[in-house]
Amino acid sequence: MVGPLSILLPFWLGLSVGFLLYKFFLNNEEPKNLPLGSMGWPLVGETLHFLEPHRSNTMGKFLQDRCSRYGRVFKSHLFGSPTIVSCDLELNMFILQNEEKLFQGSYPKPIHGVLGKLSMLVVVRELHKKLRSVALSFFTTCKTNPNFITDMDGMLKSMMESWKDCKEFTFNLMVKQFFSMGPKEPLVSQLLEDYMHFMKGLVSLPIYIPGTYFAKAVKARMRICTTIREIIKGRREGNNDVGQTKGDFLDVILSNVNLSDEERVSIVLDLLLGGYETTSTLMSLLVYFLAHSHHALEQLKDEHQAIRKRKHDGEALSWEDYKEMHFTINVIHEALRCGNVVKFVHRKALKDIEFKGFLIPAGWKVLPILLGAHLDPKHHENPSEFNPWRWNDQTTIKKVSPFAGGLRQCPGSELGKLEAAFFLHHLVLNYRWKIIGDDHPMCLPYIKFKGGLRLEIEQI
């Protein structure tokens, strides 16, 4: 059996050789005033150590060791490039708020292969602004649309009655809003199966070898794009049920004459990605942390019992109910801070930048480690502890950035919190649960539970 290191080495060799040639043959002197740090092994840098799994409410050995030795800002060599790594809240916010001025999104080239060249994660400048505005308009409309909220409430109750995978719920909800298609339709099942391959490859070793998760993900994305194009074609021709005008998001983007079909496909793919993975991970984290926090669970029950008493039997939740879920929002924010759905984001410096006396050289990659600021004891007392009451201090929100920030902040962040809040409503009022075995969320760097988060569930 070929080990992961032997597979990974050729990949990092290809990524690193260009930089090393430049460094050693054209520019032997490293820029002055760089942060302290180590560039790691020749060719492969420190990427393997950086990606070592660890509990999501801890810094992990790599970051803890580097921060102890060099400070919360240090240099390294990651993902094939010389990199400034920041676990510092002030620098992270500076980077995120200066998008397209001093910094720019810069994901590793292999990621482009699986996301596609028009993904919002990889495009920059005006194209990113254009695509993000379309996505933002969708989420803004959804979260206050009574039909969407009723659909979501009903699908949540159905999902929890059978306790199927919550990833299927979030995916099916998005598909219904995009295409007006139910979960039992063949195209939806096909899309979901392809998305499962897509997600596994997105967070795998980026090596295009037949049979690897990455290669399967690239092929899965091509199939997803083909399926979406077929749906668009059917809608335009109006020659079948899929082709009828529905008043859904697909109708909206088809009416936008400023979008090409490839841009439409990419927007839908990006939004399905967010709906499939991020929100479902947040729901799993909420189940986990509340199972270990009796006092938070009891206060949450009190809040939702008060909301339910104001409603008729069987009446769906509303946007007005969501606005009354104050402690619920604290619980969601704390799960995001402790769970760290997004550990870091990729940026690069567009020019030489001086910050606190050290240099960030133009062209260098910059990694704001969101997790680092979330778990900094300087900003959060007992940072590894799940404590929703810390959010009673309004300044806490300024110290947490679970959805990144600035021009690239996740456009669906508010919708994700709305879905999680409605999920909690039905969960705490109708079920009691406990976790089977010794389980905990791991950063891989995506979040995955060590034991699969197996639950013993009892209906109240």
Protein backbone atom coordinates (compact mmCIF):
# COMPACT_ATOMS: atom_id res chain seq x y z
CA MET A 1 0.00 0.00 0.00
CA VAL A 2 1.34 3.43 -0.90
CA GLY A 3 1.55 5.72 2.13
CA PRO A 4 0.16 9.29 2.10
CA LEU A 5 3.62 10.83 2.41
CA SER A 6 4.89 9.07 -0.73
CA ILE A 7 1.85 10.33 -2.65
CA LEU A 8 2.16 13.87 -1.33
CA LEU A 9 5.87 14.41 -1.93
CA PRO A 10 5.67 14.63 -5.77
CA PHE A 11 2.88 17.18 -5.47
CA TRP A 12 4.80 19.46 -3.11
CA LEU A 13 7.92 18.98 -5.21
CA GLY A 14 6.12 20.44 -8.22
CA LEU A 15 4.69 23.35 -6.25
CA SER A 16 7.89 24.21 -4.44
CA VAL A 17 10.57 23.91 -7.12
CA GLY A 18 9.72 27.24 -8.79
CA PHE A 19 9.98 29.16 -5.55
CA LEU A 20 13.20 27.44 -4.54
CA LEU A 21 14.83 28.18 -7.89
CA TYR A 22 13.89 31.82 -7.52
CA LYS A 23 15.10 31.98 -3.94
CA PHE A 24 18.42 30.27 -4.36
CA PHE A 25 19.41 31.35 -7.88
CA LEU A 26 17.85 34.80 -8.30
CA ASN A 27 17.35 36.14 -4.82
CA ASN A 28 19.67 34.64 -2.24
CA GLU A 29 18.80 37.20 0.41
CA GLU A 30 15.52 36.88 2.29
CA PRO A 31 13.70 40.20 2.87
CA LYS A 32 14.64 41.93 6.10
CA ASN A 33 12.30 42.46 9.05
CA LEU A 34 10.32 39.29 8.41
CA PRO A 35 8.54 37.71 11.38
CA LEU A 36 10.46 34.90 13.04
CA GLY A 37 9.77 31.35 11.96
CA SER A 38 11.01 28.30 10.10
CA MET A 39 10.60 27.39 6.43
CA GLY A 40 10.63 23.69 7.31
CA TRP A 41 11.94 20.88 5.15
CA PRO A 42 13.35 21.53 1.69
CA LEU A 43 10.67 21.39 -0.99
CA VAL A 44 7.74 20.30 1.20
CA GLY A 45 7.98 23.11 3.77
CA GLU A 46 5.81 22.66 6.87
CA THR A 47 2.49 21.82 5.21
CA LEU A 48 2.28 18.26 6.49
CA HIS A 49 2.70 19.41 10.10
CA PHE A 50 0.29 22.31 9.58
CA LEU A 51 -2.45 19.92 8.41
CA GLU A 52 -2.05 17.43 11.27
CA PRO A 53 -5.48 16.69 12.83
CA HIS A 54 -6.36 18.17 16.21
CA ARG A 55 -9.43 18.94 18.31
CA SER A 56 -11.32 21.88 16.84
CA ASN A 57 -11.42 23.77 20.16
CA THR A 58 -7.62 23.67 20.42
CA MET A 59 -4.84 25.34 18.45
CA GLY A 60 -3.21 22.06 17.55
CA LYS A 61 0.44 21.15 18.10
CA PHE A 62 1.82 22.99 15.05
CA LEU A 63 0.26 26.39 15.81
CA GLN A 64 0.76 26.09 19.56
CA ASP A 65 4.44 25.28 19.11
CA ARG A 66 5.10 28.07 16.56
CA CYS A 67 3.20 30.70 18.55
CA SER A 68 5.15 29.76 21.69
CA ARG A 69 8.50 30.00 19.88
CA TYR A 70 7.97 32.88 17.47
CA GLY A 71 4.85 34.77 18.55
CA ARG A 72 1.34 34.84 17.11
CA VAL A 73 2.64 36.03 13.73
CA PHE A 74 5.36 33.93 12.12
CA LYS A 75 6.80 32.93 8.74
CA SER A 76 6.57 29.45 7.25
CA HIS A 77 6.43 27.63 3.92
CA LEU A 78 2.93 26.25 3.32
CA PHE A 79 1.03 24.93 0.29
CA GLY A 80 4.07 25.44 -1.91
CA SER A 81 4.68 29.14 -1.05
CA PRO A 82 6.52 31.30 1.49
CA THR A 83 3.82 32.35 3.93
CA ILE A 84 3.09 34.72 6.77
CA VAL A 85 0.86 32.94 9.30
CA SER A 86 -1.28 35.07 11.63
CA CYS A 87 -3.02 33.93 14.81
CA ASP A 88 -3.24 37.58 15.84
CA LEU A 89 -6.75 39.11 15.97
CA GLU A 90 -5.63 42.60 14.97
CA LEU A 91 -3.65 41.43 11.94
CA ASN A 92 -6.41 39.03 10.89
CA MET A 93 -8.97 41.83 10.88
CA PHE A 94 -6.52 44.09 9.04
CA ILE A 95 -6.10 41.44 6.32
CA LEU A 96 -9.83 40.71 5.96
CA GLN A 97 -10.81 44.37 5.87
CA ASN A 98 -8.24 45.27 3.20
CA GLU A 99 -9.35 42.82 0.53
CA GLU A 100 -8.39 44.00 -2.98
CA LYS A 101 -6.49 46.96 -1.46
CA LEU A 102 -3.54 45.30 0.24
CA PHE A 103 -4.49 41.62 0.06
CA GLN A 104 -6.27 39.31 -2.34
CA GLY A 105 -7.82 35.86 -2.21
CA SER A 106 -5.23 33.32 -3.33
CA TYR A 107 -6.13 29.65 -2.99
CA PRO A 108 -3.63 26.98 -4.09
CA LYS A 109 -3.83 26.20 -7.80
CA PRO A 110 -4.96 22.58 -7.32
CA ILE A 111 -8.04 23.86 -5.47
CA HIS A 112 -9.01 25.77 -8.63
CA GLY A 113 -9.22 22.45 -10.43
CA VAL A 114 -11.95 21.11 -8.17
CA LEU A 115 -13.82 24.37 -7.49
CA GLY A 116 -13.76 25.63 -11.06
CA LYS A 117 -12.28 28.85 -12.45
CA LEU A 118 -15.44 30.88 -11.73
CA SER A 119 -15.92 29.87 -8.10
CA MET A 120 -16.39 32.79 -5.72
CA LEU A 121 -13.53 31.39 -3.65
CA VAL A 122 -10.99 31.83 -6.46
CA VAL A 123 -12.17 34.78 -8.61
CA VAL A 124 -11.04 38.28 -7.68
CA ARG A 125 -11.86 41.96 -8.16
CA GLU A 126 -14.95 42.92 -10.17
CA LEU A 127 -15.90 39.37 -11.09
CA HIS A 128 -15.94 38.34 -7.43
CA LYS A 129 -18.00 41.41 -6.55
CA LYS A 130 -20.49 40.61 -9.33
CA LEU A 131 -20.99 36.94 -8.40
CA ARG A 132 -21.11 37.60 -4.67
CA SER A 133 -23.82 40.26 -5.09
CA VAL A 134 -26.04 37.71 -6.84
CA ALA A 135 -25.47 35.16 -4.07
CA LEU A 136 -26.08 37.77 -1.38
CA SER A 137 -29.39 38.79 -2.97
CA PHE A 138 -30.54 35.16 -2.84
CA PHE A 139 -29.76 34.75 0.85
CA THR A 140 -31.22 38.15 1.75
CA THR A 141 -34.48 37.26 0.03
CA CYS A 142 -34.65 33.75 1.51
CA LYS A 143 -34.25 34.60 5.15
CA THR A 144 -37.36 36.82 5.29
CA ASN A 145 -39.44 34.95 2.69
CA PRO A 146 -42.42 33.32 4.50
CA ASN A 147 -42.56 30.48 1.96
CA PHE A 148 -38.89 29.67 2.46
CA ILE A 149 -39.23 29.77 6.24
CA THR A 150 -42.31 27.52 6.14
CA ASP A 151 -40.53 25.06 3.82
CA MET A 152 -37.49 25.03 6.09
CA ASP A 153 -39.56 24.48 9.23
CA GLY A 154 -41.45 21.59 7.64
CA MET A 155 -38.35 19.93 6.20
CA LEU A 156 -36.59 20.22 9.56
CA LYS A 157 -39.42 18.44 11.38
CA SER A 158 -39.48 15.73 8.71
CA MET A 159 -35.72 15.24 8.90
CA MET A 160 -35.79 14.98 12.70
CA GLU A 161 -38.65 12.48 12.73
CA SER A 162 -36.47 10.03 10.81
CA TRP A 163 -33.11 11.44 11.99
CA LYS A 164 -31.55 11.21 8.57
CA ASP A 165 -28.26 12.93 7.82
CA CYS A 166 -28.65 16.67 8.45
CA LYS A 167 -26.41 17.26 5.43
CA GLU A 168 -29.22 15.88 3.28
CA PHE A 169 -31.64 18.35 4.89
CA THR A 170 -29.49 21.40 4.15
CA PHE A 171 -28.80 20.20 0.63
CA ASN A 172 -32.45 19.40 -0.15
CA LEU A 173 -33.57 22.74 1.24
CA MET A 174 -31.23 24.62 -1.09
CA VAL A 175 -32.20 22.51 -4.11
CA LYS A 176 -35.87 23.27 -3.50
CA GLN A 177 -35.18 27.01 -3.39
CA PHE A 178 -32.99 26.88 -6.50
CA PHE A 179 -34.98 24.55 -8.74
CA SER A 180 -38.35 23.90 -6.99
CA MET A 181 -37.43 20.21 -6.88
CA GLY A 182 -38.23 17.78 -4.07
CA PRO A 183 -35.74 15.35 -2.45
CA LYS A 184 -37.28 12.27 -4.10
CA GLU A 185 -36.71 13.45 -7.66
CA PRO A 186 -33.98 11.50 -9.51
CA LEU A 187 -31.97 14.60 -10.44
CA VAL A 188 -31.77 15.62 -6.77
CA SER A 189 -30.47 12.18 -5.75
CA GLN A 190 -27.90 12.36 -8.54
CA LEU A 191 -26.78 15.83 -7.47
CA LEU A 192 -26.47 14.76 -3.83
CA GLU A 193 -24.36 11.71 -4.71
CA ASP A 194 -22.04 13.83 -6.84
CA TYR A 195 -21.78 16.46 -4.10
CA MET A 196 -20.65 13.81 -1.62
CA HIS A 197 -17.74 12.94 -3.94
CA PHE A 198 -17.12 16.64 -4.55
CA MET A 199 -16.80 17.45 -0.84
CA LYS A 200 -14.49 14.52 -0.09
CA GLY A 201 -12.12 15.67 -2.83
CA LEU A 202 -12.28 19.34 -1.92
CA VAL A 203 -10.63 18.64 1.43
CA SER A 204 -8.34 15.82 0.27
CA LEU A 205 -4.72 15.79 -0.87
CA PRO A 206 -4.83 17.73 -4.18
CA ILE A 207 -3.26 15.09 -6.40
CA TYR A 208 -4.86 14.24 -9.71
CA ILE A 209 -4.28 10.49 -9.89
CA PRO A 210 -7.15 8.27 -11.09
CA GLY A 211 -8.99 6.78 -8.13
CA THR A 212 -8.01 9.46 -5.60
CA TYR A 213 -10.66 11.54 -3.84
CA PHE A 214 -9.33 14.62 -5.64
CA ALA A 215 -9.64 13.09 -9.10
CA LYS A 216 -13.14 11.83 -8.27
CA ALA A 217 -14.08 15.33 -7.08
CA VAL A 218 -12.98 16.97 -10.33
CA LYS A 219 -15.11 14.50 -12.29
CA ALA A 220 -18.02 14.97 -9.85
CA ARG A 221 -17.92 18.74 -10.38
CA MET A 222 -18.10 18.21 -14.13
CA ARG A 223 -21.18 16.01 -13.67
CA ILE A 224 -22.80 18.56 -11.32
CA CYS A 225 -22.22 21.34 -13.85
CA THR A 226 -23.70 19.17 -16.63
CA THR A 227 -26.81 18.48 -14.51
CA ILE A 228 -27.29 22.18 -13.73
CA ARG A 229 -26.91 23.06 -17.43
CA GLU A 230 -29.58 20.48 -18.29
CA ILE A 231 -31.94 22.01 -15.72
CA ILE A 232 -31.28 25.48 -17.16
CA LYS A 233 -31.92 24.20 -20.68
CA GLY A 234 -35.17 22.56 -19.61
CA ARG A 235 -36.33 25.72 -17.85
CA ARG A 236 -35.65 27.81 -20.94
CA GLU A 237 -37.38 25.43 -23.33
CA GLY A 238 -40.32 24.86 -21.01
CA ASN A 239 -40.91 21.45 -22.55
CA ASN A 240 -41.23 19.47 -19.31
CA ASP A 241 -42.04 19.89 -15.63
CA VAL A 242 -38.46 21.00 -14.88
CA GLY A 243 -38.85 23.62 -17.58
CA GLN A 244 -41.86 25.39 -16.09
CA THR A 245 -41.42 28.85 -14.61
CA LYS A 246 -41.36 28.45 -10.83
CA GLY A 247 -40.50 31.87 -9.41
CA ASP A 248 -37.44 30.33 -7.74
CA PHE A 249 -33.76 31.32 -7.73
CA LEU A 250 -33.14 29.74 -11.12
CA ASP A 251 -35.78 32.03 -12.64
CA VAL A 252 -34.06 34.99 -10.96
CA ILE A 253 -30.59 34.26 -12.33
CA LEU A 254 -31.97 33.41 -15.78
CA SER A 255 -33.57 36.86 -15.87
CA ASN A 256 -30.20 38.48 -15.04
CA VAL A 257 -28.85 39.40 -18.48
CA ASN A 258 -25.45 40.30 -17.02
CA LEU A 259 -24.66 36.66 -16.22
CA SER A 260 -23.31 34.05 -18.62
CA ASP A 261 -24.53 30.47 -18.31
CA GLU A 262 -21.14 29.41 -16.94
CA GLU A 263 -21.44 32.09 -14.24
CA ARG A 264 -24.97 30.90 -13.42
CA VAL A 265 -23.76 27.32 -13.07
CA SER A 266 -20.85 28.39 -10.86
CA ILE A 267 -23.08 30.48 -8.56
CA VAL A 268 -25.46 27.56 -8.02
CA LEU A 269 -22.53 25.20 -7.40
CA ASP A 270 -21.02 27.57 -4.82
CA LEU A 271 -24.31 28.07 -2.99
CA LEU A 272 -25.01 24.35 -2.89
CA LEU A 273 -21.52 23.85 -1.47
CA GLY A 274 -22.23 26.27 1.38
CA GLY A 275 -25.68 24.85 2.02
CA TYR A 276 -24.43 21.26 1.99
CA GLU A 277 -21.42 21.50 4.27
CA THR A 278 -21.19 24.56 6.52
CA THR A 279 -24.68 24.64 8.03
CA SER A 280 -24.83 20.89 8.59
CA THR A 281 -21.46 21.00 10.37
CA LEU A 282 -22.73 23.82 12.59
CA MET A 283 -25.78 21.72 13.53
CA SER A 284 -23.54 18.79 14.49
CA LEU A 285 -21.40 21.08 16.65
CA LEU A 286 -24.51 22.41 18.42
CA VAL A 287 -25.65 18.87 19.26
CA TYR A 288 -22.17 18.07 20.57
CA PHE A 289 -21.61 21.15 22.74
CA LEU A 290 -25.13 21.17 24.22
CA ALA A 291 -24.75 17.51 25.20
CA HIS A 292 -21.88 18.68 27.41
CA SER A 293 -23.50 21.86 28.76
CA HIS A 294 -26.59 21.16 30.89
CA HIS A 295 -27.07 24.77 31.99
CA ALA A 296 -26.96 26.12 28.43
CA LEU A 297 -29.44 23.45 27.31
CA GLU A 298 -31.89 24.33 30.10
CA GLN A 299 -31.78 28.06 29.32
CA LEU A 300 -32.25 27.26 25.64
CA LYS A 301 -35.33 25.15 26.45
CA ASP A 302 -36.83 28.00 28.49
CA GLU A 303 -36.39 30.42 25.58
CA HIS A 304 -38.01 28.08 23.05
CA GLN A 305 -40.85 27.03 25.35
CA ALA A 306 -41.74 30.71 25.69
CA ILE A 307 -41.82 31.06 21.90
CA ARG A 308 -43.93 27.91 21.46
CA LYS A 309 -46.49 29.07 24.05
CA ARG A 310 -47.24 32.12 21.89
CA LYS A 311 -48.09 29.97 18.84
CA HIS A 312 -50.99 27.72 17.87
CA ASP A 313 -50.49 23.95 17.81
CA GLY A 314 -48.57 22.97 14.68
CA GLU A 315 -47.98 26.57 13.63
CA ALA A 316 -44.67 27.06 11.80
CA LEU A 317 -41.95 29.33 13.11
CA SER A 318 -41.55 32.79 11.58
CA TRP A 319 -38.91 35.47 11.06
CA GLU A 320 -40.39 37.33 14.06
CA ASP A 321 -39.82 34.24 16.22
CA TYR A 322 -36.20 34.11 15.10
CA LYS A 323 -35.65 37.69 16.23
CA GLU A 324 -36.73 36.65 19.74
CA MET A 325 -34.11 33.87 19.99
CA HIS A 326 -31.47 35.93 21.78
CA PHE A 327 -29.82 33.20 23.85
CA THR A 328 -30.09 30.83 20.87
CA ILE A 329 -27.94 33.20 18.82
CA ASN A 330 -25.41 33.28 21.67
CA VAL A 331 -25.28 29.46 21.60
CA ILE A 332 -24.79 29.44 17.82
CA HIS A 333 -22.02 32.05 17.97
CA GLU A 334 -20.24 30.15 20.72
CA ALA A 335 -20.45 26.87 18.80
CA LEU A 336 -18.87 28.64 15.82
CA ARG A 337 -16.11 30.10 18.02
CA CYS A 338 -15.32 26.79 19.74
CA GLY A 339 -15.96 24.52 16.78
CA ASN A 340 -14.15 26.54 14.11
CA VAL A 341 -15.94 25.38 10.97
CA VAL A 342 -13.43 27.47 8.96
CA LYS A 343 -9.93 27.21 10.40
CA PHE A 344 -8.13 29.61 8.02
CA VAL A 345 -8.44 31.39 4.69
CA HIS A 346 -5.90 31.95 1.90
CA ARG A 347 -4.70 35.44 0.95
CA LYS A 348 -1.61 37.00 -0.65
CA ALA A 349 -0.02 40.42 -0.21
CA LEU A 350 -0.40 42.74 -3.19
CA LYS A 351 2.43 45.03 -2.03
CA ASP A 352 5.04 45.27 0.72
CA ILE A 353 3.20 45.90 4.00
CA GLU A 354 4.63 47.00 7.33
CA PHE A 355 2.69 45.80 10.37
CA LYS A 356 3.83 46.19 13.98
CA GLY A 357 7.44 46.56 12.88
CA PHE A 358 7.71 43.52 10.62
CA LEU A 359 7.40 43.10 6.88
CA ILE A 360 4.81 41.18 4.85
CA PRO A 361 6.52 41.01 1.43
CA ALA A 362 4.58 41.55 -1.80
CA GLY A 363 3.63 38.25 -3.42
CA TRP A 364 3.90 36.21 -0.22
CA LYS A 365 0.93 34.14 0.84
CA VAL A 366 -0.82 35.19 4.04
CA LEU A 367 -2.87 32.82 6.19
CA PRO A 368 -5.19 34.47 8.74
CA ILE A 369 -5.83 31.64 11.21
CA LEU A 370 -9.37 32.40 12.40
CA LEU A 371 -9.12 29.61 14.96
CA GLY A 372 -6.04 31.27 16.47
CA ALA A 373 -7.92 34.45 17.36
CA HIS A 374 -10.96 32.50 18.57
CA LEU A 375 -8.85 30.58 21.07
CA ASP A 376 -6.62 33.44 22.21
CA PRO A 377 -6.82 33.76 26.05
CA LYS A 378 -6.02 37.46 25.67
CA HIS A 379 -9.45 37.94 24.12
CA HIS A 380 -11.52 35.05 25.52
CA GLU A 381 -11.38 33.83 29.13
CA ASN A 382 -10.94 30.04 29.22
CA PRO A 383 -11.11 29.99 25.42
CA SER A 384 -11.53 26.20 25.00
CA GLU A 385 -14.63 26.25 27.23
CA PHE A 386 -18.11 26.36 25.65
CA ASN A 387 -19.66 29.40 27.33
CA PRO A 388 -22.58 31.10 25.50
CA TRP A 389 -22.91 33.70 28.24
CA ARG A 390 -19.65 35.34 27.14
CA TRP A 391 -21.71 36.75 24.25
CA ASN A 392 -23.69 38.93 26.68
CA ASP A 393 -20.67 41.20 26.30
CA GLN A 394 -21.37 42.95 22.99
CA THR A 395 -17.65 43.38 22.28
CA THR A 396 -17.22 39.61 21.85
CA ILE A 397 -18.64 39.78 18.32
CA LYS A 398 -15.68 41.96 17.30
CA LYS A 399 -13.25 39.24 18.38
CA VAL A 400 -14.75 36.37 16.38
CA SER A 401 -14.84 35.90 12.60
CA PRO A 402 -16.18 32.38 11.88
CA PHE A 403 -17.30 33.35 8.36
CA ALA A 404 -14.11 35.32 7.53
CA GLY A 405 -14.87 39.00 6.88
CA GLY A 406 -14.67 42.00 4.60
CA LEU A 407 -15.55 41.64 0.92
CA ARG A 408 -15.23 37.85 1.12
CA GLN A 409 -17.37 37.21 4.16
CA CYS A 410 -19.64 34.23 3.55
CA PRO A 411 -22.82 35.65 1.97
CA GLY A 412 -24.94 32.88 3.51
CA SER A 413 -23.82 33.36 7.12
CA GLU A 414 -27.12 34.80 8.35
CA LEU A 415 -29.18 32.15 6.57
CA GLY A 416 -27.03 29.43 8.13
CA LYS A 417 -27.70 30.83 11.60
CA LEU A 418 -31.44 30.99 10.86
CA GLU A 419 -31.49 27.32 9.86
CA ALA A 420 -29.48 26.37 12.95
CA ALA A 421 -31.82 28.34 15.23
CA PHE A 422 -34.93 26.60 13.86
CA PHE A 423 -33.13 23.26 14.19
CA LEU A 424 -32.43 24.00 17.87
CA HIS A 425 -36.08 24.91 18.45
CA HIS A 426 -37.33 21.48 17.39
CA LEU A 427 -34.38 19.68 18.95
CA VAL A 428 -34.58 20.99 22.51
CA LEU A 429 -38.38 20.89 22.72
CA ASN A 430 -38.85 17.39 21.33
CA TYR A 431 -35.75 15.33 22.10
CA ARG A 432 -33.20 14.45 24.73
CA TRP A 433 -29.93 12.89 23.65
CA LYS A 434 -26.49 11.79 24.71
CA ILE A 435 -23.33 11.02 22.78
CA ILE A 436 -22.28 7.39 22.51
CA GLY A 437 -18.62 6.90 23.38
CA ASP A 438 -15.82 9.43 23.75
CA ASP A 439 -16.29 11.64 20.69
CA HIS A 440 -15.14 15.13 19.79
CA PRO A 441 -14.86 17.35 16.68
CA MET A 442 -11.54 17.28 14.84
CA CYS A 443 -9.92 19.80 12.47
CA LEU A 444 -8.75 17.87 9.41
CA PRO A 445 -8.76 20.92 8.50
CA TYR A 446 -12.50 20.50 7.78
CA ILE A 447 -14.55 19.42 10.80
CA LYS A 448 -15.22 15.73 11.30
CA PHE A 449 -16.20 13.88 14.45
CA LYS A 450 -13.76 11.22 15.55
CA GLY A 451 -16.49 8.63 16.15
CA GLY A 452 -19.06 9.93 13.66
CA LEU A 453 -21.11 11.65 16.42
CA ARG A 454 -23.26 8.61 17.25
CA LEU A 455 -26.24 9.59 19.40
CA GLU A 456 -28.71 7.90 21.71
CA ILE A 457 -31.93 9.85 21.09
CA GLU A 458 -35.19 9.78 23.01
CA GLN A 459 -38.32 11.68 22.00
CA ILE A 460 -39.88 13.77 24.77
